[in-house]
PDB file of N, CA and C in Angstrom:
ATOM      1  N   UNK A   1      40.755  -6.168 -17.254  1.00  0.00           N
ATOM      2  CA  UNK A   1      40.386  -5.998 -15.744  1.00  0.00           C
ATOM      3  C   UNK A   1      40.279  -4.271 -15.707  1.00  0.00           C
ATOM      4  N   UNK A   2      38.998  -4.068 -14.996  1.00  0.00           N
ATOM      5  CA  UNK A   2      38.640  -2.959 -14.525  1.00  0.00           C
ATOM      6  C   UNK A   2      39.840  -2.156 -13.384  1.00  0.00           C
ATOM      7  N   UNK A   3      39.760  -1.091 -13.360  1.00  0.00           N
ATOM      8  CA  UNK A   3      40.684  -0.355 -12.486  1.00  0.00           C
ATOM      9  C   UNK A   3      40.048  -0.708 -11.365  1.00  0.00           C
ATOM     10  N   UNK A   4      40.442  -0.425 -10.279  1.00  0.00           N
ATOM     11  CA  UNK A   4      39.656  -0.376  -8.564  1.00  0.00           C
ATOM     12  C   UNK A   4      38.286   0.537  -8.643  1.00  0.00           C
ATOM     13  N   UNK A   5      39.339   1.930  -8.996  1.00  0.00           N
ATOM     14  CA  UNK A   5      38.157   3.494  -8.994  1.00  0.00           C
ATOM     15  C   UNK A   5      36.862   2.846  -9.273  1.00  0.00           C
ATOM     16  N   UNK A   6      37.405   2.321 -10.807  1.00  0.00           N
ATOM     17  CA  UNK A   6      35.477   1.680 -11.520  1.00  0.00           C
ATOM     18  C   UNK A   6      34.803   1.325 -10.737  1.00  0.00           C
ATOM     19  N   UNK A   7      35.483  -0.001 -10.018  1.00  0.00           N
ATOM     20  CA  UNK A   7      34.286  -0.767  -9.468  1.00  0.00           C
ATOM     21  C   UNK A   7      34.043  -0.081  -8.106  1.00  0.00           C
ATOM     22  N   UNK A   8      34.620   0.754  -7.539  1.00  0.00           N
ATOM     23  CA  UNK A   8      33.973   1.701  -6.247  1.00  0.00           C
ATOM     24  C   UNK A   8      32.602   2.431  -6.444  1.00  0.00           C
ATOM     25  N   UNK A   9      33.020   2.762  -7.957  1.00  0.00           N
ATOM     26  CA  UNK A   9      32.396   4.145  -8.333  1.00  0.00           C
ATOM     27  C   UNK A   9      30.957   3.047  -8.639  1.00  0.00           C
ATOM     28  N   UNK A  10      30.609   2.202  -9.651  1.00  0.00           N
ATOM     29  CA  UNK A  10      30.028   0.963  -9.631  1.00  0.00           C
ATOM     30  C   UNK A  10      28.984   0.607  -8.521  1.00  0.00           C
ATOM     31  N   UNK A  11      29.866   0.026  -7.996  1.00  0.00           N
ATOM     32  CA  UNK A  11      29.086  -0.196  -5.946  1.00  0.00           C
ATOM     33  C   UNK A  11      28.410   1.216  -5.517  1.00  0.00           C
ATOM     34  N   UNK A  12      29.257   2.287  -5.754  1.00  0.00           N
ATOM     35  CA  UNK A  12      28.753   3.509  -4.972  1.00  0.00           C
ATOM     36  C   UNK A  12      27.285   3.514  -6.054  1.00  0.00           C
ATOM     37  N   UNK A  13      27.002   3.754  -6.751  1.00  0.00           N
ATOM     38  CA  UNK A  13      25.769   3.762  -7.621  1.00  0.00           C
ATOM     39  C   UNK A  13      24.646   2.814  -7.893  1.00  0.00           C
ATOM     40  N   UNK A  14      25.220   1.628  -7.531  1.00  0.00           N
ATOM     41  CA  UNK A  14      24.280   1.008  -7.140  1.00  0.00           C
ATOM     42  C   UNK A  14      23.751   0.713  -5.788  1.00  0.00           C
ATOM     43  N   UNK A  15      24.056   0.947  -4.676  1.00  0.00           N
ATOM     44  CA  UNK A  15      24.230   1.427  -3.096  1.00  0.00           C
ATOM     45  C   UNK A  15      23.056   2.706  -3.355  1.00  0.00           C
ATOM     46  N   UNK A  16      23.217   3.702  -4.032  1.00  0.00           N
ATOM     47  CA  UNK A  16      22.043   4.726  -4.297  1.00  0.00           C
ATOM     48  C   UNK A  16      20.582   4.131  -4.822  1.00  0.00           C
ATOM     49  N   UNK A  17      20.674   3.550  -5.980  1.00  0.00           N
ATOM     50  CA  UNK A  17      19.846   3.112  -6.616  1.00  0.00           C
ATOM     51  C   UNK A  17      18.559   2.002  -5.677  1.00  0.00           C
ATOM     52  N   UNK A  18      19.849   1.038  -4.777  1.00  0.00           N
ATOM     53  CA  UNK A  18      19.231   0.577  -3.741  1.00  0.00           C
ATOM     54  C   UNK A  18      18.693   1.073  -2.765  1.00  0.00           C
ATOM     55  N   UNK A  19      18.849   2.532  -2.272  1.00  0.00           N
ATOM     56  CA  UNK A  19      18.000   3.200  -1.041  1.00  0.00           C
ATOM     57  C   UNK A  19      16.678   3.806  -1.810  1.00  0.00           C
ATOM     58  N   UNK A  20      17.118   4.393  -3.101  1.00  0.00           N
ATOM     59  CA  UNK A  20      16.134   4.880  -3.225  1.00  0.00           C
ATOM     60  C   UNK A  20      15.101   4.254  -4.115  1.00  0.00           C
ATOM     61  N   UNK A  21      15.092   2.341  -4.441  1.00  0.00           N
ATOM     62  CA  UNK A  21      14.209   1.575  -4.228  1.00  0.00           C
ATOM     63  C   UNK A  21      13.520   1.465  -2.930  1.00  0.00           C
ATOM     64  N   UNK A  22      14.146   1.731  -2.196  1.00  0.00           N
ATOM     65  CA  UNK A  22      13.223   0.786  -0.680  1.00  0.00           C
ATOM     66  C   UNK A  22      12.758   2.253  -0.552  1.00  0.00           C
ATOM     67  N   UNK A  23      13.262   3.599  -0.317  1.00  0.00           N
ATOM     68  CA  UNK A  23      12.161   4.714  -0.362  1.00  0.00           C
ATOM     69  C   UNK A  23      11.075   4.766  -1.087  1.00  0.00           C
ATOM     70  N   UNK A  24      11.017   4.289  -2.421  1.00  0.00           N
ATOM     71  CA  UNK A  24       9.631   4.580  -3.353  1.00  0.00           C
ATOM     72  C   UNK A  24       9.189   3.249  -2.560  1.00  0.00           C
ATOM     73  N   UNK A  25       9.407   2.318  -2.150  1.00  0.00           N
ATOM     74  CA  UNK A  25       8.488   1.151  -1.676  1.00  0.00           C
ATOM     75  C   UNK A  25       7.818   1.511  -0.767  1.00  0.00           C
ATOM     76  N   UNK A  26       8.533   2.046   0.419  1.00  0.00           N
ATOM     77  CA  UNK A  26       8.247   2.863   1.550  1.00  0.00           C
ATOM     78  C   UNK A  26       6.598   3.840   1.228  1.00  0.00           C
ATOM     79  N   UNK A  27       7.036   4.407  -0.130  1.00  0.00           N
ATOM     80  CA  UNK A  27       6.299   5.258  -0.251  1.00  0.00           C
ATOM     81  C   UNK A  27       4.977   4.575  -0.925  1.00  0.00           C
ATOM     82  N   UNK A  28       5.464   3.267  -1.292  1.00  0.00           N
ATOM     83  CA  UNK A  28       4.210   2.605  -2.436  1.00  0.00           C
ATOM     84  C   UNK A  28       3.270   2.124  -1.295  1.00  0.00           C
ATOM     85  N   UNK A  29       4.236   1.556   0.213  1.00  0.00           N
ATOM     86  CA  UNK A  29       3.111   1.062   0.672  1.00  0.00           C
ATOM     87  C   UNK A  29       2.398   1.891   1.878  1.00  0.00           C
ATOM     88  N   UNK A  30       2.752   3.245   1.805  1.00  0.00           N
ATOM     89  CA  UNK A  30       2.108   4.453   2.536  1.00  0.00           C
ATOM     90  C   UNK A  30       0.532   4.229   1.808  1.00  0.00           C
ATOM     91  N   UNK A  31       0.893   4.479   0.060  1.00  0.00           N
ATOM     92  CA  UNK A  31       0.049   4.785  -0.378  1.00  0.00           C
ATOM     93  C   UNK A  31      -1.511   3.626  -0.547  1.00  0.00           C
ATOM     94  N   UNK A  32      -0.780   2.195  -0.702  1.00  0.00           N
ATOM     95  CA  UNK A  32      -1.960   1.242  -0.261  1.00  0.00           C
ATOM     96  C   UNK A  32      -2.382   0.790   1.014  1.00  0.00           C
ATOM     97  N   UNK A  33      -1.883   1.433   1.873  1.00  0.00           N
ATOM     98  CA  UNK A  33      -2.420   1.350   2.972  1.00  0.00           C
ATOM     99  C   UNK A  33      -3.305   2.245   3.613  1.00  0.00           C
ATOM    100  N   UNK A  34      -3.166   3.447   2.935  1.00  0.00           N
ATOM    101  CA  UNK A  34      -4.085   4.178   2.520  1.00  0.00           C
ATOM    102  C   UNK A  34      -4.965   4.180   1.642  1.00  0.00           C
ATOM    103  N   UNK A  35      -5.008   3.519   0.405  1.00  0.00           N
ATOM    104  CA  UNK A  35      -6.101   2.676  -0.334  1.00  0.00           C
ATOM    105  C   UNK A  35      -6.988   1.702   0.404  1.00  0.00           C
ATOM    106  N   UNK A  36      -6.295   1.179   0.902  1.00  0.00           N
ATOM    107  CA  UNK A  36      -7.054  -0.288   1.500  1.00  0.00           C
ATOM    108  C   UNK A  36      -8.033   0.296   2.979  1.00  0.00           C
ATOM    109  N   UNK A  37      -7.153   1.077   3.643  1.00  0.00           N
ATOM    110  CA  UNK A  37      -8.024   1.575   4.801  1.00  0.00           C
ATOM    111  C   UNK A  37      -9.397   2.665   4.663  1.00  0.00           C
ATOM    112  N   UNK A  38      -9.117   3.146   3.174  1.00  0.00           N
ATOM    113  CA  UNK A  38     -10.154   3.986   2.025  1.00  0.00           C
ATOM    114  C   UNK A  38     -11.438   3.360   2.147  1.00  0.00           C
ATOM    115  N   UNK A  39     -10.744   2.057   1.110  1.00  0.00           N
ATOM    116  CA  UNK A  39     -11.586   1.055   0.207  1.00  0.00           C
ATOM    117  C   UNK A  39     -12.707   0.512   1.870  1.00  0.00           C
ATOM    118  N   UNK A  40     -11.880   0.166   2.569  1.00  0.00           N
ATOM    119  CA  UNK A  40     -12.443  -0.737   4.166  1.00  0.00           C
ATOM    120  C   UNK A  40     -13.309   0.320   4.336  1.00  0.00           C
ATOM    121  N   UNK A  41     -13.280   1.756   4.597  1.00  0.00           N
ATOM    122  CA  UNK A  41     -13.821   2.372   5.754  1.00  0.00           C
ATOM    123  C   UNK A  41     -14.735   3.540   5.244  1.00  0.00           C
ATOM    124  N   UNK A  42     -14.201   4.236   3.892  1.00  0.00           N
ATOM    125  CA  UNK A  42     -14.605   5.413   3.097  1.00  0.00           C
ATOM    126  C   UNK A  42     -16.040   4.939   1.843  1.00  0.00           C
ATOM    127  N   UNK A  43     -15.671   3.767   1.825  1.00  0.00           N
ATOM    128  CA  UNK A  43     -16.886   3.143   0.927  1.00  0.00           C
ATOM    129  C   UNK A  43     -18.027   3.401   1.569  1.00  0.00           C
ATOM    130  N   UNK A  44     -18.439   2.211   2.584  1.00  0.00           N
ATOM    131  CA  UNK A  44     -19.545   2.380   3.452  1.00  0.00           C
ATOM    132  C   UNK A  44     -20.057   3.482   3.969  1.00  0.00           C
ATOM    133  N   UNK A  45     -19.231   4.544   4.078  1.00  0.00           N
ATOM    134  CA  UNK A  45     -19.553   5.885   4.553  1.00  0.00           C
ATOM    135  C   UNK A  45     -20.093   6.454   3.512  1.00  0.00           C
ATOM    136  N   UNK A  46     -19.810   6.305   1.996  1.00  0.00           N
ATOM    137  CA  UNK A  46     -20.275   7.005   1.152  1.00  0.00           C
ATOM    138  C   UNK A  46     -21.454   6.221   1.022  1.00  0.00           C
ATOM    139  N   UNK A  47     -21.394   4.875   0.415  1.00  0.00           N
ATOM    140  CA  UNK A  47     -22.585   4.563   0.454  1.00  0.00           C
ATOM    141  C   UNK A  47     -23.897   4.507   1.529  1.00  0.00           C
ATOM    142  N   UNK A  48     -23.441   4.916   2.319  1.00  0.00           N
ATOM    143  CA  UNK A  48     -24.092   5.156   3.478  1.00  0.00           C
ATOM    144  C   UNK A  48     -25.231   6.435   3.632  1.00  0.00           C
ATOM    145  N   UNK A  49     -24.095   7.493   2.840  1.00  0.00           N
ATOM    146  CA  UNK A  49     -24.768   8.660   2.629  1.00  0.00           C
ATOM    147  C   UNK A  49     -25.793   8.911   1.645  1.00  0.00           C
ATOM    148  N   UNK A  50     -25.526   8.069   0.441  1.00  0.00           N
ATOM    149  CA  UNK A  50     -26.251   7.954  -0.858  1.00  0.00           C
ATOM    150  C   UNK A  50     -27.473   6.990  -0.433  1.00  0.00           C
ATOM    151  N   UNK A  51     -27.536   6.296   0.913  1.00  0.00           N
ATOM    152  CA  UNK A  51     -28.435   5.349   1.468  1.00  0.00           C
ATOM    153  C   UNK A  51     -29.769   6.260   1.897  1.00  0.00           C
ATOM    154  N   UNK A  52     -28.711   7.572   2.684  1.00  0.00           N
ATOM    155  CA  UNK A  52     -29.975   8.356   3.515  1.00  0.00           C
ATOM    156  C   UNK A  52     -30.403   9.197   2.381  1.00  0.00           C
ATOM    157  N   UNK A  53     -29.394   9.329   1.437  1.00  0.00           N
ATOM    158  CA  UNK A  53     -30.250  10.517   0.834  1.00  0.00           C
ATOM    159  C   UNK A  53     -31.562  10.183  -0.346  1.00  0.00           C
ATOM    160  N   UNK A  54     -31.181   8.704  -0.701  1.00  0.00           N
ATOM    161  CA  UNK A  54     -32.094   8.018  -1.626  1.00  0.00           C
ATOM    162  C   UNK A  54     -32.922   7.759  -0.786  1.00  0.00           C
ATOM    163  N   UNK A  55     -32.947   6.977   0.344  1.00  0.00           N
ATOM    164  CA  UNK A  55     -33.832   6.176   1.249  1.00  0.00           C
ATOM    165  C   UNK A  55     -33.695   5.027   0.382  1.00  0.00           C
ATOM    166  N   UNK A  56     -33.390   4.925  -0.217  1.00  0.00           N
ATOM    167  CA  UNK A  56     -32.753   3.205  -0.457  1.00  0.00           C
ATOM    168  C   UNK A  56     -31.871   2.308   0.028  1.00  0.00           C
ATOM    169  N   UNK A  57     -31.958   1.520   0.979  1.00  0.00           N
ATOM    170  CA  UNK A  57     -30.881   1.111   1.591  1.00  0.00           C
ATOM    171  C   UNK A  57     -29.966  -0.200   0.895  1.00  0.00           C
ATOM    172  N   UNK A  58     -30.307  -0.406  -0.226  1.00  0.00           N
ATOM    173  CA  UNK A  58     -30.003  -1.739  -0.672  1.00  0.00           C
ATOM    174  C   UNK A  58     -28.637  -1.159  -1.627  1.00  0.00           C
ATOM    175  N   UNK A  59     -28.264   0.341  -1.590  1.00  0.00           N
ATOM    176  CA  UNK A  59     -26.909   0.682  -1.830  1.00  0.00           C
ATOM    177  C   UNK A  59     -26.194   0.181  -0.918  1.00  0.00           C
ATOM    178  N   UNK A  60     -26.497   0.135   0.470  1.00  0.00           N
ATOM    179  CA  UNK A  60     -25.717  -0.318   1.241  1.00  0.00           C
ATOM    180  C   UNK A  60     -25.241  -1.037   1.532  1.00  0.00           C
ATOM    181  N   UNK A  61     -26.648  -1.993   0.847  1.00  0.00           N
ATOM    182  CA  UNK A  61     -26.817  -3.620   1.930  1.00  0.00           C
ATOM    183  C   UNK A  61     -25.731  -4.639   0.357  1.00  0.00           C
ATOM    184  N   UNK A  62     -25.708  -3.929  -0.620  1.00  0.00           N
ATOM    185  CA  UNK A  62     -25.109  -4.284  -1.920  1.00  0.00           C
ATOM    186  C   UNK A  62     -23.323  -3.812  -1.750  1.00  0.00           C
ATOM    187  N   UNK A  63     -22.823  -2.554  -1.612  1.00  0.00           N
ATOM    188  CA  UNK A  63     -21.538  -2.356  -0.980  1.00  0.00           C
ATOM    189  C   UNK A  63     -20.815  -2.859   0.307  1.00  0.00           C
ATOM    190  N   UNK A  64     -21.581  -3.006   0.971  1.00  0.00           N
ATOM    191  CA  UNK A  64     -21.066  -3.800   2.319  1.00  0.00           C
ATOM    192  C   UNK A  64     -20.082  -5.014   2.658  1.00  0.00           C
ATOM    193  N   UNK A  65     -20.719  -5.919   1.462  1.00  0.00           N
ATOM    194  CA  UNK A  65     -19.776  -7.247   1.266  1.00  0.00           C
ATOM    195  C   UNK A  65     -18.173  -7.143   0.524  1.00  0.00           C
ATOM    196  N   UNK A  66     -18.454  -6.116  -0.398  1.00  0.00           N
ATOM    197  CA  UNK A  66     -17.717  -5.854  -1.851  1.00  0.00           C
ATOM    198  C   UNK A  66     -16.265  -5.406  -0.943  1.00  0.00           C
ATOM    199  N   UNK A  67     -16.822  -4.319   0.051  1.00  0.00           N
ATOM    200  CA  UNK A  67     -15.862  -3.216   0.599  1.00  0.00           C
ATOM    201  C   UNK A  67     -15.383  -3.431   1.613  1.00  0.00           C
ATOM    202  N   UNK A  68     -16.249  -4.331   2.287  1.00  0.00           N
ATOM    203  CA  UNK A  68     -15.321  -4.967   3.545  1.00  0.00           C
ATOM    204  C   UNK A  68     -14.221  -6.197   2.968  1.00  0.00           C
ATOM    205  N   UNK A  69     -14.582  -7.144   1.879  1.00  0.00           N
ATOM    206  CA  UNK A  69     -13.609  -8.158   0.815  1.00  0.00           C
ATOM    207  C   UNK A  69     -12.601  -7.881   0.925  1.00  0.00           C
ATOM    208  N   UNK A  70     -12.511  -6.751  -0.431  1.00  0.00           N
ATOM    209  CA  UNK A  70     -11.584  -5.799  -0.769  1.00  0.00           C
ATOM    210  C   UNK A  70     -10.936  -5.381  -0.125  1.00  0.00           C
ATOM    211  N   UNK A  71     -11.007  -4.237   0.583  1.00  0.00           N
ATOM    212  CA  UNK A  71     -10.598  -3.888   2.059  1.00  0.00           C
ATOM    213  C   UNK A  71      -9.657  -4.394   2.761  1.00  0.00           C
ATOM    214  N   UNK A  72     -10.074  -5.379   3.387  1.00  0.00           N
ATOM    215  CA  UNK A  72      -9.751  -6.701   4.330  1.00  0.00           C
ATOM    216  C   UNK A  72      -8.688  -7.187   3.477  1.00  0.00           C
ATOM    217  N   UNK A  73      -8.332  -7.414   2.432  1.00  0.00           N
ATOM    218  CA  UNK A  73      -8.111  -8.551   1.435  1.00  0.00           C
ATOM    219  C   UNK A  73      -6.040  -7.415   1.561  1.00  0.00           C
ATOM    220  N   UNK A  74      -6.446  -6.202   0.596  1.00  0.00           N
ATOM    221  CA  UNK A  74      -5.802  -4.779   1.223  1.00  0.00           C
ATOM    222  C   UNK A  74      -5.133  -5.001   2.124  1.00  0.00           C
ATOM    223  N   UNK A  75      -5.515  -4.761   2.942  1.00  0.00           N
ATOM    224  CA  UNK A  75      -4.969  -4.347   4.192  1.00  0.00           C
ATOM    225  C   UNK A  75      -4.082  -5.562   4.616  1.00  0.00           C
ATOM    226  N   UNK A  76      -4.908  -6.387   4.658  1.00  0.00           N
ATOM    227  CA  UNK A  76      -3.220  -7.843   5.190  1.00  0.00           C
ATOM    228  C   UNK A  76      -2.245  -7.629   4.575  1.00  0.00           C
ATOM    229  N   UNK A  77      -2.619  -7.867   3.019  1.00  0.00           N
ATOM    230  CA  UNK A  77      -1.802  -7.812   1.962  1.00  0.00           C
ATOM    231  C   UNK A  77      -0.461  -6.436   2.335  1.00  0.00           C
ATOM    232  N   UNK A  78      -0.992  -5.479   2.579  1.00  0.00           N
ATOM    233  CA  UNK A  78      -0.299  -4.388   2.831  1.00  0.00           C
ATOM    234  C   UNK A  78       0.530  -4.691   4.086  1.00  0.00           C
ATOM    235  N   UNK A  79       0.108  -4.754   5.618  1.00  0.00           N
ATOM    236  CA  UNK A  79       0.542  -4.935   6.215  1.00  0.00           C
ATOM    237  C   UNK A  79       1.527  -6.343   6.579  1.00  0.00           C
ATOM    238  N   UNK A  80       1.423  -7.249   5.615  1.00  0.00           N
ATOM    239  CA  UNK A  80       2.503  -8.493   5.492  1.00  0.00           C
ATOM    240  C   UNK A  80       3.528  -7.300   4.609  1.00  0.00           C
ATOM    241  N   UNK A  81       3.364  -6.942   3.921  1.00  0.00           N
ATOM    242  CA  UNK A  81       4.633  -6.228   2.992  1.00  0.00           C
ATOM    243  C   UNK A  81       5.132  -5.128   3.905  1.00  0.00           C
ATOM    244  N   UNK A  82       4.954  -4.505   5.078  1.00  0.00           N
ATOM    245  CA  UNK A  82       5.050  -3.389   5.534  1.00  0.00           C
ATOM    246  C   UNK A  82       5.784  -4.457   6.520  1.00  0.00           C
ATOM    247  N   UNK A  83       5.671  -5.284   7.199  1.00  0.00           N
ATOM    248  CA  UNK A  83       6.142  -6.281   8.246  1.00  0.00           C
ATOM    249  C   UNK A  83       7.262  -6.775   7.025  1.00  0.00           C
ATOM    250  N   UNK A  84       7.318  -7.269   6.117  1.00  0.00           N
ATOM    251  CA  UNK A  84       8.911  -7.961   5.218  1.00  0.00           C
ATOM    252  C   UNK A  84       9.446  -6.640   4.957  1.00  0.00           C
ATOM    253  N   UNK A  85       9.366  -5.180   4.816  1.00  0.00           N
ATOM    254  CA  UNK A  85      10.041  -4.087   4.675  1.00  0.00           C
ATOM    255  C   UNK A  85      11.037  -4.053   5.570  1.00  0.00           C
ATOM    256  N   UNK A  86      10.168  -3.938   7.003  1.00  0.00           N
ATOM    257  CA  UNK A  86      10.845  -3.909   8.206  1.00  0.00           C
ATOM    258  C   UNK A  86      11.733  -5.041   8.704  1.00  0.00           C
ATOM    259  N   UNK A  87      11.679  -5.852   8.316  1.00  0.00           N
ATOM    260  CA  UNK A  87      12.802  -6.981   8.553  1.00  0.00           C
ATOM    261  C   UNK A  87      13.943  -7.162   7.580  1.00  0.00           C
ATOM    262  N   UNK A  88      14.027  -6.488   6.421  1.00  0.00           N
ATOM    263  CA  UNK A  88      14.796  -6.294   5.327  1.00  0.00           C
ATOM    264  C   UNK A  88      15.580  -5.203   6.008  1.00  0.00           C
ATOM    265  N   UNK A  89      14.804  -4.015   6.020  1.00  0.00           N
ATOM    266  CA  UNK A  89      15.697  -3.081   6.584  1.00  0.00           C
ATOM    267  C   UNK A  89      16.291  -2.999   8.302  1.00  0.00           C
ATOM    268  N   UNK A  90      15.951  -3.775   8.908  1.00  0.00           N
ATOM    269  CA  UNK A  90      16.215  -4.661  10.239  1.00  0.00           C
ATOM    270  C   UNK A  90      17.456  -5.168  10.200  1.00  0.00           C
ATOM    271  N   UNK A  91      17.803  -5.471   8.875  1.00  0.00           N
ATOM    272  CA  UNK A  91      19.044  -6.384   8.801  1.00  0.00           C
ATOM    273  C   UNK A  91      20.580  -5.923   9.076  1.00  0.00           C
TER     274      UNK A  91
END
């Protein structure tokens, strides 16, 4: 049988690892939110600039559905994940 001191130390280190994992998840969700918003807003702006410079509006026309689809799905999934994290931390 292990000594109580060893069990307490193992529990302490597991608690530290859990806190580090939660911090990294929060950082990951911030990055995911940034990427989703960049795809949703940034890509159409970039392709608008390209379309204006090249005078070929098909670049913008063909980029909009993909950008909005990918950005919206990424945004919804990220917001659900953030909401899930808040409910876990709130307990």
